[in-house]
C-alpha atoms as a PDB file:
ATOM      1  CA  MET A   1      -0.099   0.215   0.179  1.00  0.00           C
ATOM      2  CA  THR A   2       1.691   3.502  -1.312  1.00  0.00           C
ATOM      3  CA  ILE A   3       0.858   5.848   1.479  1.00  0.00           C
ATOM      4  CA  ASN A   4       0.962   9.861   0.542  1.00  0.00           C
ATOM      5  CA  GLN A   5       4.160  10.862   2.762  1.00  0.00           C
ATOM      6  CA  SER A   6       2.756  14.528   2.630  1.00  0.00           C
ATOM      7  CA  VAL A   7       0.406  13.210   5.565  1.00  0.00           C
ATOM      8  CA  ILE A   8       3.873  12.877   7.834  1.00  0.00           C
ATOM      9  CA  ALA A   9       4.550  16.743   7.369  1.00  0.00           C
ATOM     10  CA  ASP A  10       1.373  17.801   7.969  1.00  0.00           C
ATOM     11  CA  ILE A  11       1.074  15.617  11.046  1.00  0.00           C
ATOM     12  CA  LYS A  12       4.722  17.283  12.331  1.00  0.00           C
ATOM     13  CA  ALA A  13       3.703  20.772  11.376  1.00  0.00           C
ATOM     14  CA  ILE A  14       0.377  19.671  13.493  1.00  0.00           C
ATOM     15  CA  ILE A  15       2.718  18.546  16.617  1.00  0.00           C
ATOM     16  CA  LEU A  16       5.183  21.350  16.201  1.00  0.00           C
ATOM     17  CA  ASN A  17       2.769  23.651  15.800  1.00  0.00           C
ATOM     18  CA  ALA A  18       0.677  22.097  19.151  1.00  0.00           C
ATOM     19  CA  LYS A  19       4.190  22.480  20.827  1.00  0.00           C
ATOM     20  CA  ASP A  20       5.004  26.339  20.203  1.00  0.00           C
ATOM     21  CA  THR A  21       1.483  27.013  21.196  1.00  0.00           C
ATOM     22  CA  ALA A  22       1.711  25.141  24.422  1.00  0.00           C
ATOM     23  CA  ILE A  23       5.083  26.956  24.701  1.00  0.00           C
ATOM     24  CA  ARG A  24       4.104  30.514  24.598  1.00  0.00           C
ATOM     25  CA  LEU A  25       0.437  29.503  26.716  1.00  0.00           C
ATOM     26  CA  VAL A  26       3.009  28.579  29.863  1.00  0.00           C
ATOM     27  CA  ASP A  27       5.357  31.675  29.518  1.00  0.00           C
ATOM     28  CA  HIS A  28       1.920  33.704  29.364  1.00  0.00           C
ATOM     29  CA  GLU A  29       0.218  31.961  32.294  1.00  0.00           C
ATOM     30  CA  ARG A  30       4.366  32.298  34.024  1.00  0.00           C
ATOM     31  CA  THR A  31       4.559  36.639  33.429  1.00  0.00           C
ATOM     32  CA  LYS A  32       0.539  36.824  34.560  1.00  0.00           C
ATOM     33  CA  MET A  33       1.727  34.897  37.942  1.00  0.00           C
ATOM     34  CA  TYR A  34       4.698  37.380  37.657  1.00  0.00           C
ATOM     35  CA  TRP A  35       2.640  40.578  37.729  1.00  0.00           C
ATOM     36  CA  TYR A  36      -0.186  39.221  40.396  1.00  0.00           C
ATOM     37  CA  ILE A  37       2.994  38.261  42.943  1.00  0.00           C
ATOM     38  CA  GLY A  38       3.979  42.170  41.385  1.00  0.00           C
ATOM     39  CA  LYS A  39       0.527  43.781  42.246  1.00  0.00           C
ATOM     40  CA  ARG A  40       0.479  41.999  45.895  1.00  0.00           C
ATOM     41  CA  ILE A  41       3.733  43.208  46.864  1.00  0.00           C
ATOM     42  CA  PHE A  42       3.005  46.707  45.516  1.00  0.00           C
ATOM     43  CA  GLU A  43      -0.430  46.688  47.590  1.00  0.00           C
ATOM     44  CA  GLU A  44       1.581  45.317  50.671  1.00  0.00           C
ATOM     45  CA  GLU A  45       4.264  47.989  50.713  1.00  0.00           C
ATOM     46  CA  GLN A  46       1.750  50.635  50.162  1.00  0.00           C
ATOM     47  CA  GLU A  47       0.330  49.086  53.740  1.00  0.00           C
ATOM     48  CA  GLY A  48       3.588  50.090  55.298  1.00  0.00           C
ATOM     49  CA  LYS A  49       4.358  53.255  53.508  1.00  0.00           C
ATOM     50  CA  ASP A  50       5.166  54.871  55.947  1.00  0.00           C
ATOM     51  CA  ARG A  51       8.065  53.177  57.755  1.00  0.00           C
ATOM     52  CA  ALA A  52      11.198  53.397  56.377  1.00  0.00           C
ATOM     53  CA  ASP A  53      13.487  51.693  54.152  1.00  0.00           C
ATOM     54  CA  TYR A  54       9.579  49.172  54.184  1.00  0.00           C
ATOM     55  CA  GLY A  55       9.593  47.955  50.217  1.00  0.00           C
ATOM     56  CA  ASN A  56      13.451  47.189  50.250  1.00  0.00           C
ATOM     57  CA  TYR A  57      12.840  44.828  53.633  1.00  0.00           C
ATOM     58  CA  LEU A  58       9.576  43.355  52.718  1.00  0.00           C
ATOM     59  CA  THR A  59      11.331  42.462  49.076  1.00  0.00           C
ATOM     60  CA  ARG A  60      14.454  41.268  50.987  1.00  0.00           C
ATOM     61  CA  PHE A  61      11.733  39.162  53.310  1.00  0.00           C
ATOM     62  CA  ILE A  62       9.643  37.635  50.492  1.00  0.00           C
ATOM     63  CA  ALA A  63      12.410  36.645  48.292  1.00  0.00           C
ATOM     64  CA  GLU A  64      14.286  34.446  52.139  1.00  0.00           C
ATOM     65  CA  GLN A  65      11.157  33.400  52.289  1.00  0.00           C
ATOM     66  CA  LEU A  66      10.335  31.842  48.477  1.00  0.00           C
ATOM     67  CA  GLU A  67      14.263  31.214  47.020  1.00  0.00           C
ATOM     68  CA  PRO A  68      15.127  28.415  48.559  1.00  0.00           C
ATOM     69  CA  GLU A  69      11.529  26.487  47.514  1.00  0.00           C
ATOM     70  CA  TYR A  70      11.193  27.576  44.382  1.00  0.00           C
ATOM     71  CA  GLY A  71      15.080  28.652  43.312  1.00  0.00           C
ATOM     72  CA  SER A  72      17.033  31.499  42.019  1.00  0.00           C
ATOM     73  CA  GLY A  73      13.583  32.815  39.957  1.00  0.00           C
ATOM     74  CA  PHE A  74      12.523  34.272  43.287  1.00  0.00           C
ATOM     75  CA  SER A  75      15.646  36.110  44.222  1.00  0.00           C
ATOM     76  CA  LYS A  76      15.611  39.363  46.160  1.00  0.00           C
ATOM     77  CA  ARG A  77      16.449  41.043  42.331  1.00  0.00           C
ATOM     78  CA  GLN A  78      13.441  39.096  40.829  1.00  0.00           C
ATOM     79  CA  VAL A  79      11.135  40.012  43.693  1.00  0.00           C
ATOM     80  CA  GLU A  80      11.918  43.691  42.208  1.00  0.00           C
ATOM     81  CA  LEU A  81      11.175  43.497  39.336  1.00  0.00           C
ATOM     82  CA  PHE A  82       7.823  41.307  39.857  1.00  0.00           C
ATOM     83  CA  ARG A  83       7.301  45.022  41.646  1.00  0.00           C
ATOM     84  CA  GLN A  84       8.219  47.404  38.557  1.00  0.00           C
ATOM     85  CA  PHE A  85       6.197  45.220  36.407  1.00  0.00           C
ATOM     86  CA  TYR A  86       3.351  45.334  38.456  1.00  0.00           C
ATOM     87  CA  ARG A  87       4.303  49.506  38.687  1.00  0.00           C
ATOM     88  CA  THR A  88       4.864  49.987  35.248  1.00  0.00           C
ATOM     89  CA  PHE A  89       1.707  48.129  33.758  1.00  0.00           C
ATOM     90  CA  PRO A  90       0.022  48.886  36.277  1.00  0.00           C
ATOM     91  CA  ILE A  91      -3.495  47.554  33.830  1.00  0.00           C
ATOM     92  CA  ALA A  92      -4.216  43.463  33.536  1.00  0.00           C
ATOM     93  CA  ASN A  93      -5.048  43.692  29.989  1.00  0.00           C
ATOM     94  CA  THR A  94      -2.541  45.333  28.614  1.00  0.00           C
ATOM     95  CA  VAL A  95       0.083  42.500  29.167  1.00  0.00           C
ATOM     96  CA  TYR A  96       0.053  41.113  26.022  1.00  0.00           C
ATOM     97  CA  SER A  97       0.335  37.497  25.568  1.00  0.00           C
ATOM     98  CA  GLN A  98       2.286  37.783  22.408  1.00  0.00           C
ATOM     99  CA  LEU A  99       5.048  38.997  24.870  1.00  0.00           C
ATOM    100  CA  SER A 100       7.442  36.657  26.692  1.00  0.00           C
ATOM    101  CA  TRP A 101       9.134  37.426  30.356  1.00  0.00           C
ATOM    102  CA  SER A 102      12.351  37.901  29.341  1.00  0.00           C
ATOM    103  CA  GLN A 103      10.615  40.546  26.455  1.00  0.00           C
ATOM    104  CA  TYR A 104       8.802  42.557  29.433  1.00  0.00           C
ATOM    105  CA  LYS A 105      12.172  42.515  30.958  1.00  0.00           C
ATOM    106  CA  LEU A 106      14.053  44.624  28.696  1.00  0.00           C
ATOM    107  CA  LEU A 107      10.691  47.028  28.397  1.00  0.00           C
ATOM    108  CA  LEU A 108      11.417  47.635  31.649  1.00  0.00           C
ATOM    109  CA  ARG A 109      15.128  49.133  31.173  1.00  0.00           C
ATOM    110  CA  LEU A 110      13.253  51.638  28.908  1.00  0.00           C
ATOM    111  CA  ASP A 111      13.271  55.066  31.047  1.00  0.00           C
ATOM    112  CA  THR A 112       9.779  56.546  29.791  1.00  0.00           C
ATOM    113  CA  GLN A 113       6.519  55.403  28.021  1.00  0.00           C
ATOM    114  CA  ASP A 114       6.233  56.159  25.137  1.00  0.00           C
ATOM    115  CA  LYS A 115       9.366  54.318  23.960  1.00  0.00           C
ATOM    116  CA  ARG A 116       7.700  50.954  25.488  1.00  0.00           C
ATOM    117  CA  ASP A 117       4.644  51.836  23.756  1.00  0.00           C
ATOM    118  CA  PHE A 118       6.370  52.197  20.505  1.00  0.00           C
ATOM    119  CA  TYR A 119       8.467  48.611  21.677  1.00  0.00           C
ATOM    120  CA  ILE A 120       5.572  47.363  22.223  1.00  0.00           C
ATOM    121  CA  ALA A 121       3.755  47.551  18.890  1.00  0.00           C
ATOM    122  CA  GLU A 122       6.689  47.150  17.148  1.00  0.00           C
ATOM    123  CA  THR A 123       7.240  43.842  18.745  1.00  0.00           C
ATOM    124  CA  VAL A 124       3.748  42.134  18.683  1.00  0.00           C
ATOM    125  CA  LYS A 125       3.191  43.653  14.773  1.00  0.00           C
ATOM    126  CA  ASN A 126       6.132  42.118  13.798  1.00  0.00           C
ATOM    127  CA  ASN A 127       6.396  39.251  15.727  1.00  0.00           C
ATOM    128  CA  TRP A 128      10.469  39.775  16.870  1.00  0.00           C
ATOM    129  CA  THR A 129      12.319  37.653  18.799  1.00  0.00           C
ATOM    130  CA  VAL A 130      13.710  37.860  22.551  1.00  0.00           C
ATOM    131  CA  ARG A 131      17.193  38.633  20.179  1.00  0.00           C
ATOM    132  CA  GLN A 132      15.468  41.002  17.744  1.00  0.00           C
ATOM    133  CA  LEU A 133      14.228  43.387  20.620  1.00  0.00           C
ATOM    134  CA  GLU A 134      17.384  43.115  21.566  1.00  0.00           C
ATOM    135  CA  ARG A 135      19.504  44.178  19.253  1.00  0.00           C
ATOM    136  CA  GLN A 136      16.264  47.062  18.222  1.00  0.00           C
ATOM    137  CA  ILE A 137      16.629  48.480  21.494  1.00  0.00           C
ATOM    138  CA  TYR A 138      20.618  48.199  21.743  1.00  0.00           C
ATOM    139  CA  SER A 139      20.549  50.222  17.794  1.00  0.00           C
ATOM    140  CA  SER A 140      18.372  52.429  19.112  1.00  0.00           C
ATOM    141  CA  LEU A 141      15.515  52.399  17.135  1.00  0.00           C
ATOM    142  CA  TRP A 142      12.930  54.579  18.355  1.00  0.00           C
ATOM    143  CA  GLU A 143      15.923  57.426  18.746  1.00  0.00           C
ATOM    144  CA  ARG A 144      16.709  57.085  15.069  1.00  0.00           C
ATOM    145  CA  LEU A 145      12.936  56.982  14.127  1.00  0.00           C
ATOM    146  CA  LEU A 146      12.095  60.157  16.415  1.00  0.00           C
ATOM    147  CA  MET A 147      15.188  62.253  14.614  1.00  0.00           C
ATOM    148  CA  SER A 148      13.085  62.720  11.386  1.00  0.00           C
ATOM    149  CA  ASN A 149       9.192  62.859  12.620  1.00  0.00           C
ATOM    150  CA  GLU A 150       7.116  63.768  15.258  1.00  0.00           C
ATOM    151  CA  LYS A 151       6.563  61.021  18.373  1.00  0.00           C
ATOM    152  CA  GLU A 152       2.917  61.212  17.997  1.00  0.00           C
ATOM    153  CA  ASN A 153       3.674  60.225  14.411  1.00  0.00           C
ATOM    154  CA  VAL A 154       6.074  57.415  15.227  1.00  0.00           C
ATOM    155  CA  LEU A 155       4.052  56.001  17.716  1.00  0.00           C
ATOM    156  CA  ALA A 156       0.677  55.797  15.911  1.00  0.00           C
ATOM    157  CA  VAL A 157       2.760  53.891  12.673  1.00  0.00           C
ATOM    158  CA  ALA A 158       4.102  51.519  15.018  1.00  0.00           C
ATOM    159  CA  ARG A 159       0.409  51.289  16.322  1.00  0.00           C
ATOM    160  CA  ASN A 160      -1.140  51.080  12.943  1.00  0.00           C
ATOM    161  CA  GLU A 161      -3.290  53.690  14.021  1.00  0.00           C
ATOM    162  CA  LYS A 162      -1.741  54.796   9.991  1.00  0.00           C
ATOM    163  CA  GLN A 163       0.119  54.056   7.363  1.00  0.00           C
ATOM    164  CA  PRO A 164       3.074  55.756   6.782  1.00  0.00           C
ATOM    165  CA  SER A 165       2.742  59.161   4.505  1.00  0.00           C
ATOM    166  CA  ASP A 166       6.112  60.109   3.907  1.00  0.00           C
ATOM    167  CA  ALA A 167       9.378  57.868   3.526  1.00  0.00           C
ATOM    168  CA  LYS A 168      11.289  59.172   6.368  1.00  0.00           C
ATOM    169  CA  GLU A 169       8.890  57.987   8.400  1.00  0.00           C
ATOM    170  CA  ILE A 170      10.534  53.967   8.162  1.00  0.00           C
ATOM    171  CA  ILE A 171      13.593  55.274   6.428  1.00  0.00           C
ATOM    172  CA  LYS A 172      16.303  55.237   9.222  1.00  0.00           C
ATOM    173  CA  ASP A 173      19.780  57.304   9.239  1.00  0.00           C
ATOM    174  CA  PRO A 174      22.435  55.943  10.711  1.00  0.00           C
ATOM    175  CA  MET A 175      21.660  51.730   9.296  1.00  0.00           C
ATOM    176  CA  TYR A 176      23.336  49.562  11.548  1.00  0.00           C
ATOM    177  CA  LEU A 177      24.566  46.874  10.004  1.00  0.00           C
ATOM    178  CA  GLU A 178      26.835  44.812  12.838  1.00  0.00           C
ATOM    179  CA  PHE A 179      25.165  41.444  11.553  1.00  0.00           C
ATOM    180  CA  LEU A 180      27.404  41.776   8.378  1.00  0.00           C
ATOM    181  CA  GLY A 181      30.285  40.695  10.528  1.00  0.00           C
ATOM    182  CA  LEU A 182      32.412  43.198   8.614  1.00  0.00           C
ATOM    183  CA  ARG A 183      35.566  44.874  10.992  1.00  0.00           C
ATOM    184  CA  ARG A 184      35.400  48.660  10.025  1.00  0.00           C
ATOM    185  CA  GLU A 185      39.425  48.704  10.041  1.00  0.00           C
ATOM    186  CA  ALA A 186      38.855  46.240   6.770  1.00  0.00           C
ATOM    187  CA  SER A 187      39.549  47.865   3.638  1.00  0.00           C
ATOM    188  CA  TYR A 188      36.491  46.536   1.118  1.00  0.00           C
ATOM    189  CA  TYR A 189      34.535  47.151  -2.135  1.00  0.00           C
ATOM    190  CA  GLU A 190      30.921  48.144  -2.925  1.00  0.00           C
ATOM    191  CA  LYS A 191      30.675  44.728  -4.027  1.00  0.00           C
ATOM    192  CA  ASP A 192      31.587  42.979  -0.860  1.00  0.00           C
ATOM    193  CA  LEU A 193      28.591  44.803   1.184  1.00  0.00           C
ATOM    194  CA  GLU A 194      26.212  44.108  -0.810  1.00  0.00           C
ATOM    195  CA  GLN A 195      27.640  40.497  -1.361  1.00  0.00           C
ATOM    196  CA  ALA A 196      27.293  40.768   2.619  1.00  0.00           C
ATOM    197  CA  ILE A 197      23.466  42.270   2.456  1.00  0.00           C
ATOM    198  CA  ILE A 198      22.139  39.736   0.656  1.00  0.00           C
ATOM    199  CA  THR A 199      23.658  36.885   2.605  1.00  0.00           C
ATOM    200  CA  HIS A 200      22.613  38.113   5.842  1.00  0.00           C
ATOM    201  CA  LEU A 201      19.661  39.180   3.402  1.00  0.00           C
ATOM    202  CA  HIS A 202      16.877  38.656   6.539  1.00  0.00           C
ATOM    203  CA  ASP A 203      18.531  40.478   9.141  1.00  0.00           C
ATOM    204  CA  PHE A 204      18.903  42.820   6.770  1.00  0.00           C
ATOM    205  CA  LEU A 205      15.281  42.982   6.243  1.00  0.00           C
ATOM    206  CA  LEU A 206      14.429  43.594   9.555  1.00  0.00           C
ATOM    207  CA  GLU A 207      16.378  46.498  10.062  1.00  0.00           C
ATOM    208  CA  LEU A 208      15.004  47.832   7.022  1.00  0.00           C
ATOM    209  CA  GLY A 209      12.529  48.249   8.384  1.00  0.00           C
ATOM    210  CA  ASN A 210       7.689  47.819   8.306  1.00  0.00           C
ATOM    211  CA  GLY A 211       6.844  46.209   4.569  1.00  0.00           C
ATOM    212  CA  PHE A 212      10.349  45.543   3.053  1.00  0.00           C
ATOM    213  CA  ALA A 213      10.433  43.295   0.106  1.00  0.00           C
ATOM    214  CA  PHE A 214      13.588  42.363  -2.254  1.00  0.00           C
ATOM    215  CA  VAL A 215      13.130  42.180  -5.556  1.00  0.00           C
ATOM    216  CA  ALA A 216      16.878  42.712  -7.324  1.00  0.00           C
ATOM    217  CA  ARG A 217      20.338  42.289  -7.289  1.00  0.00           C
ATOM    218  CA  GLN A 218      22.289  44.135  -9.556  1.00  0.00           C
ATOM    219  CA  LYS A 219      19.339  45.155 -12.121  1.00  0.00           C
ATOM    220  CA  ARG A 220      20.286  45.814 -15.176  1.00  0.00           C
ATOM    221  CA  LEU A 221      19.208  48.767 -16.952  1.00  0.00           C
ATOM    222  CA  HIS A 222      19.222  49.373 -21.047  1.00  0.00           C
ATOM    223  CA  ILE A 223      18.849  52.745 -21.807  1.00  0.00           C
ATOM    224  CA  GLU A 224      19.915  53.548 -25.695  1.00  0.00           C
ATOM    225  CA  GLY A 225      22.166  51.086 -26.294  1.00  0.00           C
ATOM    226  CA  ASP A 226      24.102  51.934 -22.371  1.00  0.00           C
ATOM    227  CA  GLU A 227      24.369  49.038 -20.078  1.00  0.00           C
ATOM    228  CA  PHE A 228      23.423  50.154 -16.346  1.00  0.00           C
ATOM    229  CA  PHE A 229      23.105  48.247 -12.808  1.00  0.00           C
ATOM    230  CA  ILE A 230      21.478  49.229  -9.551  1.00  0.00           C
ATOM    231  CA  ASP A 231      23.042  47.499  -6.413  1.00  0.00           C
ATOM    232  CA  LEU A 232      19.598  46.595  -5.091  1.00  0.00           C
ATOM    233  CA  VAL A 233      15.728  46.742  -5.410  1.00  0.00           C
ATOM    234  CA  PHE A 234      13.091  46.260  -2.737  1.00  0.00           C
ATOM    235  CA  TYR A 235       9.407  47.065  -3.008  1.00  0.00           C
ATOM    236  CA  ASN A 236       7.547  48.206   0.275  1.00  0.00           C
ATOM    237  CA  ARG A 237       4.038  47.497   0.230  1.00  0.00           C
ATOM    238  CA  LEU A 238       3.188  50.424   3.449  1.00  0.00           C
ATOM    239  CA  LEU A 239       4.059  53.228   0.823  1.00  0.00           C
ATOM    240  CA  GLN A 240       3.671  51.111  -1.990  1.00  0.00           C
ATOM    241  CA  CYS A 241       6.453  51.796  -3.894  1.00  0.00           C
ATOM    242  CA  PHE A 242      10.135  50.564  -5.198  1.00  0.00           C
ATOM    243  CA  VAL A 243      12.695  51.546  -3.165  1.00  0.00           C
ATOM    244  CA  ILE A 244      16.068  51.038  -4.822  1.00  0.00           C
ATOM    245  CA  ILE A 245      19.418  51.222  -3.153  1.00  0.00           C
ATOM    246  CA  GLU A 246      22.752  52.226  -4.024  1.00  0.00           C
ATOM    247  CA  ILE A 247      25.510  51.052  -2.131  1.00  0.00           C
ATOM    248  CA  LYS A 248      28.486  53.391  -1.628  1.00  0.00           C
ATOM    249  CA  THR A 249      31.355  52.241   1.047  1.00  0.00           C
ATOM    250  CA  SER A 250      32.874  55.840   0.591  1.00  0.00           C
ATOM    251  CA  LYS A 251      31.865  59.401   2.019  1.00  0.00           C
ATOM    252  CA  PHE A 252      28.746  60.977   0.082  1.00  0.00           C
ATOM    253  CA  THR A 253      29.251  63.425  -3.162  1.00  0.00           C
ATOM    254  CA  HIS A 254      26.580  65.071  -4.842  1.00  0.00           C
ATOM    255  CA  GLN A 255      27.709  63.217  -7.905  1.00  0.00           C
ATOM    256  CA  ASP A 256      26.307  59.893  -6.273  1.00  0.00           C
ATOM    257  CA  ILE A 257      22.978  61.829  -5.868  1.00  0.00           C
ATOM    258  CA  GLY A 258      22.814  62.161  -9.976  1.00  0.00           C
ATOM    259  CA  GLN A 259      23.394  58.281 -10.473  1.00  0.00           C
ATOM    260  CA  LEU A 260      20.875  57.712  -7.883  1.00  0.00           C
ATOM    261  CA  GLN A 261      17.914  60.085  -9.708  1.00  0.00           C
ATOM    262  CA  MET A 262      18.893  58.142 -12.663  1.00  0.00           C
ATOM    263  CA  TYR A 263      17.902  55.689 -11.202  1.00  0.00           C
ATOM    264  CA  VAL A 264      14.493  56.805  -9.992  1.00  0.00           C
ATOM    265  CA  ASN A 265      12.640  58.313 -12.916  1.00  0.00           C
ATOM    266  CA  TYR A 266      13.678  54.937 -14.779  1.00  0.00           C
ATOM    267  CA  TYR A 267      11.517  53.159 -12.496  1.00  0.00           C
ATOM    268  CA  ASP A 268       8.625  56.075 -12.419  1.00  0.00           C
ATOM    269  CA  ARG A 269       8.655  55.646 -16.072  1.00  0.00           C
ATOM    270  CA  TYR A 270       9.144  52.476 -17.129  1.00  0.00           C
ATOM    271  CA  GLU A 271       8.509  49.828 -13.939  1.00  0.00           C
ATOM    272  CA  LYS A 272       5.882  51.959 -11.663  1.00  0.00           C
ATOM    273  CA  LYS A 273       2.266  51.297 -12.148  1.00  0.00           C
ATOM    274  CA  ASP A 274      -0.861  54.224 -12.126  1.00  0.00           C
ATOM    275  CA  PHE A 275      -1.631  53.134  -8.760  1.00  0.00           C
ATOM    276  CA  GLU A 276       1.918  53.362  -7.405  1.00  0.00           C
ATOM    277  CA  ASN A 277       3.584  55.752  -5.837  1.00  0.00           C
ATOM    278  CA  PRO A 278       6.952  57.693  -6.810  1.00  0.00           C
ATOM    279  CA  THR A 279      10.284  55.052  -6.211  1.00  0.00           C
ATOM    280  CA  ILE A 280      12.409  56.216  -3.784  1.00  0.00           C
ATOM    281  CA  GLY A 281      16.236  55.787  -3.708  1.00  0.00           C
ATOM    282  CA  ILE A 282      17.829  55.972  -0.727  1.00  0.00           C
ATOM    283  CA  LEU A 283      22.062  56.106  -0.975  1.00  0.00           C
ATOM    284  CA  LEU A 284      23.589  53.954   1.736  1.00  0.00           C
ATOM    285  CA  CYS A 285      27.351  56.023   1.852  1.00  0.00           C
ATOM    286  CA  ALA A 286      29.881  55.053   4.646  1.00  0.00           C
ATOM    287  CA  GLU A 287      29.899  58.572   5.197  1.00  0.00           C
ATOM    288  CA  LYS A 288      27.522  61.942   4.454  1.00  0.00           C
ATOM    289  CA  ASN A 289      27.689  65.652   5.438  1.00  0.00           C
ATOM    290  CA  ASN A 290      24.605  66.782   5.908  1.00  0.00           C
ATOM    291  CA  ALA A 291      24.627  70.389   5.262  1.00  0.00           C
ATOM    292  CA  VAL A 292      26.185  68.337   1.186  1.00  0.00           C
ATOM    293  CA  VAL A 293      23.457  66.183   1.441  1.00  0.00           C
ATOM    294  CA  LYS A 294      21.135  69.606   1.833  1.00  0.00           C
ATOM    295  CA  ILE A 295      22.182  71.492  -0.725  1.00  0.00           C
ATOM    296  CA  SER A 296      22.780  68.796  -3.839  1.00  0.00           C
ATOM    297  CA  LEU A 297      18.702  67.998  -3.479  1.00  0.00           C
ATOM    298  CA  PRO A 298      15.351  70.075  -4.081  1.00  0.00           C
ATOM    299  CA  GLU A 299      13.831  72.043  -1.138  1.00  0.00           C
ATOM    300  CA  ASN A 300      11.619  70.141  -1.670  1.00  0.00           C
ATOM    301  CA  ASN A 301      12.376  66.637  -2.110  1.00  0.00           C
ATOM    302  CA  LYS A 302      10.488  63.103  -0.817  1.00  0.00           C
ATOM    303  CA  THR A 303      12.258  60.765  -2.830  1.00  0.00           C
ATOM    304  CA  ILE A 304      16.227  60.674  -2.577  1.00  0.00           C
ATOM    305  CA  PHE A 305      17.884  59.596   0.780  1.00  0.00           C
ATOM    306  CA  ALA A 306      21.222  59.956   2.588  1.00  0.00           C
ATOM    307  CA  SER A 307      21.886  57.124   4.685  1.00  0.00           C
ATOM    308  CA  GLU A 308      24.780  56.061   6.563  1.00  0.00           C
ATOM    309  CA  TYR A 309      25.530  52.754   7.629  1.00  0.00           C
ATOM    310  CA  LYS A 310      27.847  51.653  10.290  1.00  0.00           C
ATOM    311  CA  LEU A 311      29.265  48.300  11.390  1.00  0.00           C
ATOM    312  CA  TYR A 312      28.761  47.948  14.647  1.00  0.00           C
ATOM    313  CA  LEU A 313      26.140  48.787  17.564  1.00  0.00           C
ATOM    314  CA  PRO A 314      26.306  52.257  18.902  1.00  0.00           C
ATOM    315  CA  SER A 315      27.287  52.205  22.973  1.00  0.00           C
ATOM    316  CA  GLU A 316      25.017  53.870  25.146  1.00  0.00           C
ATOM    317  CA  GLN A 317      27.089  57.520  25.087  1.00  0.00           C
ATOM    318  CA  GLN A 318      26.936  57.105  21.298  1.00  0.00           C
ATOM    319  CA  LEU A 319      23.465  57.606  21.222  1.00  0.00           C
ATOM    320  CA  ILE A 320      23.318  60.014  24.156  1.00  0.00           C
ATOM    321  CA  ASP A 321      25.428  61.769  22.049  1.00  0.00           C
ATOM    322  CA  GLU A 322      24.115  61.577  18.203  1.00  0.00           C
ATOM    323  CA  VAL A 323      20.528  62.215  19.975  1.00  0.00           C
ATOM    324  CA  LYS A 324      21.803  65.430  21.613  1.00  0.00           C
ATOM    325  CA  LYS A 325      23.867  66.456  18.400  1.00  0.00           C
ATOM    326  CA  GLU A 326      20.195  66.180  16.165  1.00  0.00           C
ATOM    327  CA  ILE A 327      18.343  67.893  18.840  1.00  0.00           C
ATOM    328  CA  ASN A 328      20.757  70.743  18.451  1.00  0.00           C
ATOM    329  CA  LYS A 329      20.719  70.274  14.547  1.00  0.00           C
ATOM    330  CA  ILE A 330      16.714  71.178  14.909  1.00  0.00           C
ATOM    331  CA  ASN A 331      17.185  73.554  17.048  1.00  0.00           C
ATOM    332  CA  ASN A 332      19.621  75.899  15.615  1.00  0.00           C
ATOM    333  CA  GLU A 333      17.755  76.011  11.937  1.00  0.00           C
END
């Protein structure tokens, strides 16, 4: 008797799906348990709020009672996290089943509720893993988008309350490409960077942001007997347009804009459908002078962008310095 082997594959998929669902349910119940523990600790702490250092005494006492029986997951530090968890998310229905306890621990480190709301919305929408959420926080995704956008717009797009109406609402500057594994001190050609991006395409799409899909590499254009090659072509379904990326491993020059503009014009005239929006071009460069970029582009430009790439994640101090620098620029304009 011949049996269709697809039945085995289907059954295995059912088993794996059930296991994944069970793991998520268990983790969510654990997260809710920590929330209720935090709520009970907070209520008890309020009873003794007039006593000096009562909160510290309380968490230490609870840990001493629970850790011997339930293990290191109930150490004093963990008990304090439970209390902080409840105080940060005091409404039970704001504890999302899509988020794990490990992800909530990352969110608790953030210093504003707006920032937490943004990363929660992005995690739920994109189904980020713990590692992906951690990377986006460490690469300062929130701050990078805020550099060229209003806070309300960034949050609205993240929460799916509005679709991005302007490319700058989703295009990041700088882009962090530490996952490529290229040493910043090393000498490499543009084709090397392009190949590394293709090799790590999933991570690159994650860095590009919401709605991007890969279309082509080294797209050949025939123009009256001349041949040109576009480094990378993507499509963004949220903006409903093609996105062309040209790679420069050197500093931005105004000549680079001319080449990119030609590619954008070609796609607008020969590839874009009537229902689609104008093509966007991104010059991904090692370094740029913002003043040169600004003067090289029309004042009403909404389709050509220059973004620096970095081959390493920034330190906390570098992020602080970068944000301060951008704020100063805005204040001086």
